[in-house]
Amino acid sequence: MIRALFRLMSLICTAAAMVAAVLDTTRSIANSQIVFTPLYDDWVRLNLASLESTRDFLSESVHPTAWDPLMLAVLKLPTWAVFAALAVLFAVATAKRRKRWQESFGD
């Protein structure tokens, strides 16, 4: 069940990464220079209230350093890169583990 959920999350993150990459490519062509939109800008455009509630939660409930150096560093990365990394992490989590060659020689 968890494996199927992680595969679905990997698929959704891959789709989001592709959409963000296409948007950045389109903006790059329109501006005649390379444009990488940070995750922060896209999140503000999408839903500012959820960004503020995430900031409040991380600063007050988890730890203040969870927001300031850690999350702000992630928010400065391009949107497509963040979602591509999440897609890879979810895909790796769903991969079946190969049997070690020593185990194939049974007792």
Protein backbone atom coordinates (compact mmCIF):
# COMPACT_ATOMS: atom_id res chain seq x y z
CA MET A 1 0.00 0.00 0.00
CA ILE A 2 2.79 2.41 0.92
CA ARG A 3 4.69 1.46 -2.22
CA ALA A 4 1.68 2.36 -4.38
CA LEU A 5 1.27 5.69 -2.57
CA PHE A 6 4.95 6.52 -3.06
CA ARG A 7 4.73 5.61 -6.75
CA LEU A 8 1.75 7.92 -7.11
CA MET A 9 3.66 10.70 -5.32
CA SER A 10 6.62 10.11 -7.63
CA LEU A 11 4.36 10.41 -10.65
CA ILE A 12 2.77 13.62 -9.35
CA CYS A 13 6.18 15.14 -8.56
CA THR A 14 7.47 14.18 -12.01
CA ALA A 15 4.47 15.85 -13.64
CA ALA A 16 4.96 18.99 -11.53
CA ALA A 17 8.66 19.07 -12.43
CA MET A 18 7.84 18.76 -16.13
CA VAL A 19 5.24 21.55 -15.96
CA ALA A 20 7.66 23.83 -14.08
CA ALA A 21 10.45 23.06 -16.57
CA VAL A 22 8.19 23.87 -19.52
CA LEU A 23 7.15 27.15 -17.87
CA ASP A 24 10.80 28.09 -17.24
CA THR A 25 11.70 27.17 -20.82
CA THR A 26 8.86 29.30 -22.15
CA ARG A 27 9.92 32.24 -19.98
CA SER A 28 13.53 31.77 -21.10
CA ILE A 29 12.55 31.89 -24.75
CA ALA A 30 10.35 34.96 -24.20
CA ASN A 31 13.09 36.84 -22.30
CA SER A 32 15.97 35.66 -24.51
CA GLN A 33 17.88 34.61 -21.41
CA ILE A 34 17.85 31.63 -19.09
CA VAL A 35 15.17 31.91 -16.39
CA PHE A 36 14.94 29.64 -13.35
CA THR A 37 11.89 30.45 -11.25
CA PRO A 38 12.53 29.80 -7.54
CA LEU A 39 10.08 27.62 -5.65
CA TYR A 40 9.30 30.62 -3.42
CA ASP A 41 7.94 32.67 -6.34
CA ASP A 42 5.75 29.84 -7.57
CA TRP A 43 4.45 29.12 -4.06
CA VAL A 44 3.59 32.81 -3.52
CA ARG A 45 1.71 32.86 -6.82
CA LEU A 46 -0.12 29.65 -5.99
CA ASN A 47 -1.10 30.19 -2.34
CA LEU A 48 0.56 32.75 -0.07
CA ALA A 49 -1.49 31.73 2.98
CA SER A 50 -0.13 28.16 2.93
CA LEU A 51 3.43 29.46 2.68
CA GLU A 52 2.89 31.65 5.73
CA SER A 53 1.30 28.82 7.70
CA THR A 54 4.21 26.53 6.77
CA ARG A 55 6.65 29.20 7.96
CA ASP A 56 4.76 29.58 11.24
CA PHE A 57 4.58 25.82 11.78
CA LEU A 58 8.28 25.25 11.11
CA SER A 59 9.41 28.23 13.17
CA GLU A 60 7.19 27.60 16.19
CA SER A 61 6.52 23.86 16.30
CA VAL A 62 9.62 22.28 14.82
CA HIS A 63 12.59 24.61 15.33
CA PRO A 64 13.42 28.16 14.21
CA THR A 65 16.41 26.96 12.19
CA ALA A 66 14.14 24.62 10.25
CA TRP A 67 12.73 27.67 8.48
CA ASP A 68 15.50 30.22 8.26
CA PRO A 69 18.54 28.44 6.88
CA LEU A 70 17.03 25.12 5.78
CA MET A 71 13.67 25.85 4.17
CA LEU A 72 14.76 29.18 2.74
CA ALA A 73 17.63 27.41 0.97
CA VAL A 74 15.14 24.98 -0.59
CA LEU A 75 12.80 27.81 -1.56
CA LYS A 76 15.61 29.49 -3.52
CA LEU A 77 16.08 26.42 -5.75
CA PRO A 78 14.29 26.17 -9.10
CA THR A 79 10.83 24.65 -8.82
CA TRP A 80 11.54 21.94 -11.38
CA ALA A 81 14.68 20.85 -9.52
CA VAL A 82 12.87 20.50 -6.18
CA PHE A 83 10.05 18.43 -7.66
CA ALA A 84 12.48 16.33 -9.72
CA ALA A 85 14.49 15.55 -6.57
CA LEU A 86 11.31 14.60 -4.71
CA ALA A 87 10.26 12.36 -7.61
CA VAL A 88 13.61 10.57 -7.53
CA LEU A 89 13.42 10.10 -3.75
CA PHE A 90 9.91 8.65 -3.96
CA ALA A 91 10.94 6.40 -6.86
CA VAL A 92 13.98 5.10 -4.97
CA ALA A 93 11.78 4.41 -1.94
CA THR A 94 9.53 2.20 -4.08
CA ALA A 95 12.31 0.24 -5.77
CA LYS A 96 12.41 -3.45 -5.00
CA ARG A 97 15.58 -4.50 -3.28
CA ARG A 98 17.68 -6.96 -5.21
CA LYS A 99 18.55 -10.18 -3.49
CA ARG A 100 22.16 -10.33 -2.46
CA TRP A 101 24.10 -12.89 -4.43
CA GLN A 102 25.11 -14.71 -1.22
CA GLU A 103 21.47 -15.40 -0.40
CA SER A 104 20.93 -17.28 -3.62
CA PHE A 105 23.07 -20.17 -2.29
CA GLY A 106 20.48 -21.20 0.37
CA ASP A 107 21.19 -23.52 3.27
